[in-house]
Amino acid sequence: MKQKLLEKILQAVGAPPIPIALWNGEVLFAEPSSAPGRVAIRDRMALLRLLVHPDLEYGRLYAAGRLDVEGDLVACLEALYRSVSQRRRRALIHPALARLRRLYQHGRSRSRDNVYHHYDIGNDFYRLWLDRQLVYTCAYFPDSATSLEDAQIAKMDHVCRKLRLQPGEEVVEAGCGWGALALHMAKHYGVRVKAYNLSHEQIAYARQWAQDQGLGDRVTFIEGDYREISGSYDVFVSVGMLEHVGLHHYRAFGRLIDACLKDTGRGLIHSIGRNVPEPFNPWVERYIFPGAYPPTLGEMTRVFDAGGLSILDVENLRLHYARTLEHWLSRYESVFDRAVQMYDLPFARAWRLYLAGSTAAFRTGYLQLFQVSFARADNNEIPWTRDYLYRD
């Protein structure tokens, strides 16, 4: 009976070459000698729950310690991702249910709740494993020896070069995290920035950081929804926020950008994405990133279509995000016991799985990272080549 149940589970996820160890010591599907590890199921009920809803229960059971991975966690998750067919991925959630869920997940009050769930769990937690500036988005690695700290600075400069910032310009940022990019733009490129974010803890931190650096008169941090953006700006930038907007709000988002940009305005949107339409894993969506959705490049174009904006350049930084996550996971593992002390073991295990799973997702191409730069359709003050991106 156990063999048949497990065969059904493995067929559902594409028959990955990973042995299964049961609670009674029995090991099934142990043929592959090159397997990076094995999945250990600790009790009979865990097996049944995994059979009913593997995509949700895998994370739940791992966090609870009722399912474990013995061996290389990231490599095992890579094997799982590679074994799942695109057809099966698209069938994970019924389209009608997905549409219903998206309708209520991105209203203003729900968006605030989603932000609190992920970003307001405590600055001290993120300090454990992010870089010194608390940049919680994909870094940019000019070479393999670049440290995480330097790669995050390189990412911010890469964004600023794409935006072609000039001293004295006015910039608006939608979703600013702990404020690193806004302060970097003001300090190193001489612009004035107005930055919006729903996270109370992040905004409080960013305001204090601005004061400490003497930039309080050049950067304004606003605890508010991106839909509250008003005024006229030379540049619009959003790094890691589009995932929280919701597909059915993309056209309104594009119209907002159109309304706030000057005649020669330009901008950049940086977002996790996919090659084919699909929501996040149900466990990630429920327990880690509620309301988040990684758009395809085609879905992202709705933003620019609605705003009458021209796409100038698209860059995929997928492998840069995989390396960023490798750094984050390594740092997290080194402070894992601290995370357990701050919260509890299930919380700490859940975040380990999230970081490991995200690493595997970017390594295998299950997730992408798009940077799209744009300008008004009639703006002729645009570069002729990409040479400007790589000049110091």
Protein backbone atom coordinates (compact mmCIF):
# COMPACT_ATOMS: atom_id res chain seq x y z
CA MET A 1 0.00 0.00 0.00
CA LYS A 2 2.79 2.44 0.94
CA GLN A 3 4.55 1.69 -2.32
CA LYS A 4 1.44 2.50 -4.36
CA LEU A 5 0.80 5.75 -2.46
CA LEU A 6 4.35 6.90 -2.98
CA GLU A 7 4.26 5.95 -6.65
CA LYS A 8 1.22 8.22 -7.05
CA ILE A 9 3.02 11.09 -5.31
CA LEU A 10 6.13 10.64 -7.42
CA GLN A 11 4.12 10.44 -10.63
CA ALA A 12 2.37 13.69 -9.65
CA VAL A 13 5.71 15.51 -9.33
CA GLY A 14 7.39 13.93 -12.34
CA ALA A 15 9.16 10.98 -10.66
CA PRO A 16 12.28 12.76 -9.30
CA PRO A 17 15.32 10.50 -8.75
CA ILE A 18 15.25 10.85 -4.96
CA PRO A 19 14.93 7.91 -2.50
CA ILE A 20 12.13 7.97 0.09
CA ALA A 21 12.88 6.88 3.66
CA LEU A 22 9.87 5.92 5.78
CA TRP A 23 9.33 6.18 9.52
CA ASN A 24 9.93 2.45 9.98
CA GLY A 25 13.37 2.46 8.36
CA GLU A 26 12.19 1.20 4.98
CA VAL A 27 13.73 2.97 1.96
CA LEU A 28 11.85 3.07 -1.31
CA PHE A 29 13.01 4.03 -4.80
CA ALA A 30 16.64 3.81 -3.74
CA GLU A 31 18.03 2.87 -7.15
CA PRO A 32 19.75 6.17 -8.10
CA SER A 33 23.32 6.05 -6.75
CA SER A 34 23.87 9.69 -7.73
CA ALA A 35 20.91 11.07 -5.75
CA PRO A 36 21.86 14.28 -3.88
CA GLY A 37 19.94 13.10 -0.81
CA ARG A 38 16.71 11.51 0.25
CA VAL A 39 13.34 12.58 1.61
CA ALA A 40 12.54 11.22 5.07
CA ILE A 41 8.86 10.90 6.04
CA ARG A 42 8.56 10.67 9.82
CA ASP A 43 5.05 9.27 10.30
CA ARG A 44 2.16 7.61 8.47
CA MET A 45 -0.17 10.63 8.66
CA ALA A 46 2.52 12.83 7.10
CA LEU A 47 2.56 10.48 4.12
CA LEU A 48 -1.22 10.70 3.76
CA ARG A 49 -1.18 14.51 3.96
CA LEU A 50 1.56 14.62 1.36
CA LEU A 51 -0.54 12.47 -0.94
CA VAL A 52 -3.61 14.73 -0.62
CA HIS A 53 -1.83 18.03 -1.36
CA PRO A 54 1.94 17.64 -2.00
CA ASP A 55 2.55 21.27 -3.04
CA LEU A 56 1.11 22.66 0.19
CA GLU A 57 1.95 19.88 2.62
CA TYR A 58 5.61 19.48 1.68
CA GLY A 59 6.36 22.88 3.21
CA ARG A 60 4.04 22.41 6.17
CA LEU A 61 5.49 19.03 7.05
CA TYR A 62 9.07 20.20 6.58
CA ALA A 63 8.53 23.19 8.89
CA ALA A 64 6.99 20.88 11.50
CA GLY A 65 9.88 18.40 11.25
CA ARG A 66 7.59 15.60 10.08
CA LEU A 67 9.33 15.54 6.70
CA ASP A 68 13.03 16.16 6.24
CA VAL A 69 15.67 16.12 3.55
CA GLU A 70 18.78 14.11 4.38
CA GLY A 71 21.56 15.41 2.18
CA ASP A 72 21.85 18.51 -0.01
CA LEU A 73 18.56 20.36 0.44
CA VAL A 74 19.00 22.72 -2.52
CA ALA A 75 20.12 19.93 -4.87
CA CYS A 76 17.13 17.78 -3.87
CA LEU A 77 14.77 20.68 -4.50
CA GLU A 78 16.45 21.28 -7.87
CA ALA A 79 15.73 17.65 -8.77
CA LEU A 80 12.09 18.18 -7.80
CA TYR A 81 11.80 21.36 -9.89
CA ARG A 82 13.43 19.74 -12.92
CA SER A 83 11.10 16.76 -12.73
CA VAL A 84 7.87 18.77 -12.73
CA SER A 85 6.53 19.29 -16.22
CA GLN A 86 5.34 22.70 -17.40
CA ARG A 87 1.96 21.18 -18.14
CA ARG A 88 1.57 19.93 -14.60
CA ARG A 89 2.75 23.26 -13.13
CA ARG A 90 0.07 25.15 -14.99
CA ALA A 91 -2.57 22.75 -13.68
CA LEU A 92 -1.70 23.23 -10.00
CA ILE A 93 -4.47 25.76 -9.40
CA HIS A 94 -7.77 25.87 -11.24
CA PRO A 95 -7.87 29.12 -13.29
CA ALA A 96 -11.24 30.16 -11.84
CA LEU A 97 -9.97 29.76 -8.28
CA ALA A 98 -6.83 31.69 -9.11
CA ARG A 99 -8.89 34.56 -10.56
CA LEU A 100 -11.13 34.66 -7.49
CA ARG A 101 -8.17 34.77 -5.15
CA ARG A 102 -6.46 37.57 -7.07
CA LEU A 103 -9.59 39.71 -6.92
CA TYR A 104 -9.33 40.26 -3.18
CA GLN A 105 -5.62 39.89 -2.50
CA HIS A 106 -4.47 43.32 -3.67
CA GLY A 107 -6.93 45.86 -2.33
CA ARG A 108 -5.36 48.52 -0.11
CA SER A 109 -6.16 46.92 3.24
CA ARG A 110 -5.22 43.42 2.04
CA SER A 111 -1.99 44.73 0.50
CA ARG A 112 -1.07 46.26 3.86
CA ASP A 113 -1.77 42.94 5.60
CA ASN A 114 0.36 41.09 3.06
CA VAL A 115 3.27 43.47 3.65
CA TYR A 116 3.00 43.14 7.43
CA HIS A 117 3.04 39.34 7.14
CA HIS A 118 6.38 39.25 5.34
CA TYR A 119 8.29 42.48 5.98
CA ASP A 120 7.25 43.46 9.50
CA ILE A 121 8.32 40.25 11.22
CA GLY A 122 11.28 42.20 12.61
CA ASN A 123 14.27 44.09 11.26
CA ASP A 124 16.51 42.07 13.58
CA PHE A 125 15.56 38.88 11.73
CA TYR A 126 16.62 40.28 8.34
CA ARG A 127 19.80 41.73 9.84
CA LEU A 128 20.87 38.16 10.58
CA TRP A 129 21.42 37.25 6.94
CA LEU A 130 21.06 40.23 4.57
CA ASP A 131 23.94 42.56 3.66
CA ARG A 132 24.81 45.61 5.79
CA GLN A 133 22.38 47.86 3.88
CA LEU A 134 19.49 45.37 4.15
CA VAL A 135 18.93 45.10 0.41
CA TYR A 136 16.32 42.36 -0.01
CA THR A 137 16.34 42.08 -3.81
CA CYS A 138 18.55 40.45 -6.44
CA ALA A 139 22.19 41.58 -6.34
CA TYR A 140 24.40 42.10 -9.40
CA PHE A 141 27.70 40.19 -9.59
CA PRO A 142 30.20 41.70 -12.06
CA ASP A 143 32.38 38.64 -11.45
CA SER A 144 32.31 35.44 -9.43
CA ALA A 145 34.56 36.83 -6.68
CA THR A 146 32.26 39.77 -5.84
CA SER A 147 31.00 39.71 -2.25
CA LEU A 148 27.31 40.08 -1.43
CA GLU A 149 27.94 43.55 0.04
CA ASP A 150 29.67 44.76 -3.13
CA ALA A 151 27.17 42.99 -5.40
CA GLN A 152 24.27 44.88 -3.83
CA ILE A 153 26.08 48.18 -4.36
CA ALA A 154 26.80 47.09 -7.95
CA LYS A 155 23.09 46.34 -8.41
CA MET A 156 22.10 49.81 -7.23
CA ASP A 157 24.66 51.42 -9.57
CA HIS A 158 23.45 49.19 -12.42
CA VAL A 159 19.90 50.45 -11.84
CA CYS A 160 21.04 54.07 -11.58
CA ARG A 161 23.00 53.83 -14.85
CA LYS A 162 19.96 52.35 -16.58
CA LEU A 163 17.91 55.29 -15.30
CA ARG A 164 20.63 57.76 -16.46
CA LEU A 165 20.15 59.86 -13.33
CA GLN A 166 21.24 63.49 -13.43
CA PRO A 167 21.90 65.79 -10.43
CA GLY A 168 18.84 67.77 -9.40
CA GLU A 169 16.29 65.36 -10.90
CA GLU A 170 13.18 64.26 -9.02
CA VAL A 171 12.73 60.50 -8.55
CA VAL A 172 9.79 58.55 -7.17
CA GLU A 173 10.29 54.99 -5.90
CA ALA A 174 7.40 52.55 -5.43
CA GLY A 175 8.31 50.02 -2.74
CA CYS A 176 11.59 51.08 -1.17
CA GLY A 177 12.39 48.38 1.39
CA TRP A 178 14.73 49.67 4.09
CA GLY A 179 15.69 52.62 1.88
CA ALA A 180 19.08 51.58 0.47
CA LEU A 181 18.38 52.43 -3.19
CA ALA A 182 16.70 55.77 -2.44
CA LEU A 183 19.63 56.86 -0.26
CA HIS A 184 22.16 55.56 -2.81
CA MET A 185 20.54 57.58 -5.59
CA ALA A 186 20.50 60.76 -3.51
CA LYS A 187 24.02 60.36 -2.13
CA HIS A 188 25.87 59.25 -5.26
CA TYR A 189 23.78 60.72 -8.11
CA GLY A 190 22.58 64.01 -6.62
CA VAL A 191 18.84 63.43 -7.11
CA ARG A 192 15.91 64.06 -4.79
CA VAL A 193 13.78 61.01 -3.98
CA LYS A 194 10.29 60.42 -2.69
CA ALA A 195 9.92 56.75 -1.70
CA TYR A 196 6.72 54.86 -0.79
CA ASN A 197 6.38 51.70 1.29
CA LEU A 198 3.63 50.08 3.37
CA SER A 199 5.95 48.47 5.92
CA HIS A 200 6.02 50.47 9.15
CA GLU A 201 9.25 48.88 10.38
CA GLN A 202 11.07 49.44 7.11
CA ILE A 203 9.98 53.07 6.81
CA ALA A 204 10.98 53.85 10.41
CA TYR A 205 14.40 52.32 9.78
CA ALA A 206 14.83 54.18 6.46
CA ARG A 207 13.92 57.56 7.99
CA GLN A 208 16.44 57.12 10.78
CA TRP A 209 19.10 55.99 8.31
CA ALA A 210 18.45 59.07 6.15
CA GLN A 211 18.91 61.33 9.16
CA ASP A 212 22.10 59.55 10.20
CA GLN A 213 23.58 60.11 6.72
CA GLY A 214 22.48 63.74 6.54
CA LEU A 215 20.13 62.99 3.65
CA GLY A 216 16.83 63.76 5.38
CA ASP A 217 16.33 66.88 3.23
CA ARG A 218 16.89 64.98 -0.05
CA VAL A 219 15.00 61.74 0.55
CA THR A 220 11.40 61.59 1.79
CA PHE A 221 10.13 58.21 2.99
CA ILE A 222 6.35 57.87 2.96
CA GLU A 223 4.52 55.07 4.76
CA GLY A 224 1.86 54.59 2.14
CA ASP A 225 0.53 52.55 -0.75
CA TYR A 226 1.96 53.06 -4.23
CA ARG A 227 -1.54 54.16 -5.26
CA GLU A 228 -1.02 57.29 -3.15
CA ILE A 229 1.83 58.52 -5.38
CA SER A 230 1.22 62.07 -6.61
CA GLY A 231 3.31 64.83 -8.13
CA SER A 232 5.53 65.06 -11.21
CA TYR A 233 8.87 63.29 -11.58
CA ASP A 234 11.72 62.82 -14.00
CA VAL A 235 12.18 59.17 -13.06
CA PHE A 236 10.00 56.31 -11.78
CA VAL A 237 11.65 53.23 -10.28
CA SER A 238 10.30 50.09 -8.63
CA VAL A 239 12.59 47.25 -7.52
CA GLY A 240 10.88 44.14 -6.15
CA MET A 241 7.38 45.57 -5.76
CA LEU A 242 5.50 44.56 -8.93
CA GLU A 243 5.14 41.03 -7.52
CA HIS A 244 2.75 42.51 -4.92
CA VAL A 245 0.62 44.64 -7.27
CA GLY A 246 -1.62 41.90 -8.68
CA LEU A 247 -2.24 41.25 -12.37
CA HIS A 248 -5.63 42.92 -12.45
CA HIS A 249 -4.03 46.16 -11.18
CA TYR A 250 -1.27 46.32 -13.81
CA ARG A 251 -3.12 48.66 -16.15
CA ALA A 252 -3.99 51.01 -13.29
CA PHE A 253 -0.34 50.86 -12.24
CA GLY A 254 0.70 51.85 -15.77
CA ARG A 255 -1.73 54.76 -15.80
CA LEU A 256 -0.33 55.93 -12.45
CA ILE A 257 3.20 55.90 -13.89
CA ASP A 258 1.97 57.84 -16.92
CA ALA A 259 0.31 60.42 -14.67
CA CYS A 260 3.39 61.07 -12.54
CA LEU A 261 6.12 61.17 -15.21
CA LYS A 262 7.23 64.40 -16.87
CA ASP A 263 7.29 64.71 -20.67
CA THR A 264 10.86 63.38 -20.83
CA GLY A 265 10.25 60.88 -18.03
CA ARG A 266 11.78 57.43 -17.90
CA GLY A 267 11.88 54.53 -15.49
CA LEU A 268 12.68 50.96 -14.55
CA ILE A 269 10.74 48.05 -13.07
CA HIS A 270 12.59 45.09 -11.54
CA SER A 271 10.53 41.99 -10.74
CA ILE A 272 10.68 38.27 -10.12
CA GLY A 273 8.94 36.57 -13.03
CA ARG A 274 8.21 33.37 -14.92
CA ASN A 275 8.37 32.10 -18.47
CA VAL A 276 4.83 30.70 -18.28
CA PRO A 277 1.89 32.02 -16.21
CA GLU A 278 1.68 30.34 -12.82
CA PRO A 279 1.16 31.49 -9.23
CA PHE A 280 3.68 30.89 -6.49
CA ASN A 281 3.79 27.50 -4.80
CA PRO A 282 0.70 27.28 -2.50
CA TRP A 283 2.85 26.90 0.62
CA VAL A 284 4.99 29.94 -0.24
CA GLU A 285 1.89 31.98 -1.04
CA ARG A 286 0.14 31.07 2.20
CA TYR A 287 2.99 31.13 4.70
CA ILE A 288 5.76 33.31 3.25
CA PHE A 289 4.58 35.70 0.53
CA PRO A 290 0.78 36.14 0.70
CA GLY A 291 -0.64 37.93 -2.30
CA ALA A 292 2.56 37.74 -4.36
CA TYR A 293 2.53 36.77 -8.04
CA PRO A 294 5.56 36.49 -10.39
CA PRO A 295 4.46 37.76 -13.83
CA THR A 296 5.64 36.61 -17.20
CA LEU A 297 7.35 39.18 -19.37
CA GLY A 298 4.21 39.28 -21.51
CA GLU A 299 2.07 40.02 -18.46
CA MET A 300 4.44 42.79 -17.41
CA THR A 301 3.85 44.59 -20.71
CA ARG A 302 0.31 45.40 -19.58
CA VAL A 303 1.86 48.05 -17.34
CA PHE A 304 3.59 49.78 -20.24
CA ASP A 305 0.71 49.37 -22.71
CA ALA A 306 -1.70 51.10 -20.35
CA GLY A 307 0.70 53.97 -19.72
CA GLY A 308 1.59 54.52 -23.36
CA LEU A 309 5.21 53.82 -22.45
CA SER A 310 7.94 52.37 -24.66
CA ILE A 311 10.10 49.50 -23.42
CA LEU A 312 13.75 50.38 -24.04
CA ASP A 313 15.63 47.42 -22.64
CA VAL A 314 14.98 44.07 -20.96
CA GLU A 315 17.59 42.17 -18.94
CA ASN A 316 17.15 38.81 -17.25
CA LEU A 317 19.25 38.50 -14.07
CA ARG A 318 18.09 35.00 -13.13
CA LEU A 319 21.53 33.61 -12.38
CA HIS A 320 22.40 36.72 -10.36
CA TYR A 321 19.40 36.01 -8.15
CA ALA A 322 20.43 32.38 -7.76
CA ARG A 323 23.84 33.53 -6.52
CA THR A 324 22.24 36.16 -4.25
CA LEU A 325 20.14 33.44 -2.66
CA GLU A 326 23.17 31.20 -2.25
CA HIS A 327 24.75 33.97 -0.17
CA TRP A 328 21.55 34.53 1.83
CA LEU A 329 21.09 30.82 2.52
CA SER A 330 24.71 30.40 3.60
CA ARG A 331 24.40 33.33 6.00
CA TYR A 332 21.07 32.06 7.26
CA GLU A 333 22.46 28.61 8.00
CA SER A 334 25.25 30.21 10.04
CA VAL A 335 22.68 31.96 12.27
CA PHE A 336 19.98 29.29 12.19
CA ASP A 337 20.08 28.77 15.96
CA ARG A 338 19.60 32.52 16.48
CA ALA A 339 16.48 32.41 14.31
CA VAL A 340 15.15 29.53 16.42
CA GLN A 341 15.76 31.55 19.60
CA MET A 342 14.07 34.64 18.16
CA TYR A 343 10.99 32.77 16.92
CA ASP A 344 10.75 28.99 17.07
CA LEU A 345 11.99 25.91 15.24
CA PRO A 346 9.08 25.61 12.74
CA PHE A 347 9.53 29.29 11.75
CA ALA A 348 13.28 28.84 11.29
CA ARG A 349 12.82 25.65 9.26
CA ALA A 350 10.18 27.32 7.08
CA TRP A 351 12.55 30.13 6.15
CA ARG A 352 15.37 27.65 5.48
CA LEU A 353 13.08 25.83 3.06
CA TYR A 354 11.95 29.10 1.47
CA LEU A 355 15.52 30.28 0.82
CA ALA A 356 16.65 26.85 -0.39
CA GLY A 357 13.59 26.43 -2.60
CA SER A 358 14.06 29.90 -4.10
CA THR A 359 17.71 29.11 -4.85
CA ALA A 360 16.66 25.94 -6.65
CA ALA A 361 13.87 27.77 -8.51
CA PHE A 362 16.25 30.34 -9.99
CA ARG A 363 18.95 27.77 -10.76
CA THR A 364 16.50 25.66 -12.75
CA GLY A 365 14.73 28.53 -14.53
CA TYR A 366 11.48 27.92 -12.67
CA LEU A 367 11.73 31.61 -11.70
CA GLN A 368 13.21 34.52 -13.67
CA LEU A 369 14.30 38.04 -12.73
CA PHE A 370 13.35 40.80 -15.17
CA GLN A 371 14.64 44.37 -15.28
CA VAL A 372 12.69 46.46 -17.77
CA SER A 373 13.66 50.06 -18.53
CA PHE A 374 11.18 52.35 -20.29
CA ALA A 375 10.45 55.92 -21.39
CA ARG A 376 7.66 57.92 -22.95
CA ALA A 377 7.00 56.93 -26.55
CA ASP A 378 8.11 60.29 -27.97
CA ASN A 379 11.21 60.67 -25.81
CA ASN A 380 14.14 60.86 -28.25
CA GLU A 381 16.72 61.52 -25.53
CA ILE A 382 17.59 57.85 -25.23
CA PRO A 383 20.96 56.08 -25.65
CA TRP A 384 21.94 54.71 -29.05
CA THR A 385 23.81 51.76 -27.55
CA ARG A 386 24.17 49.93 -24.23
CA ASP A 387 27.70 51.25 -23.78
CA TYR A 388 26.57 53.64 -21.03
CA LEU A 389 25.61 50.70 -18.80
CA TYR A 390 29.20 49.53 -18.40
CA ARG A 391 31.19 52.75 -18.22
CA ASP A 392 32.33 53.86 -14.79
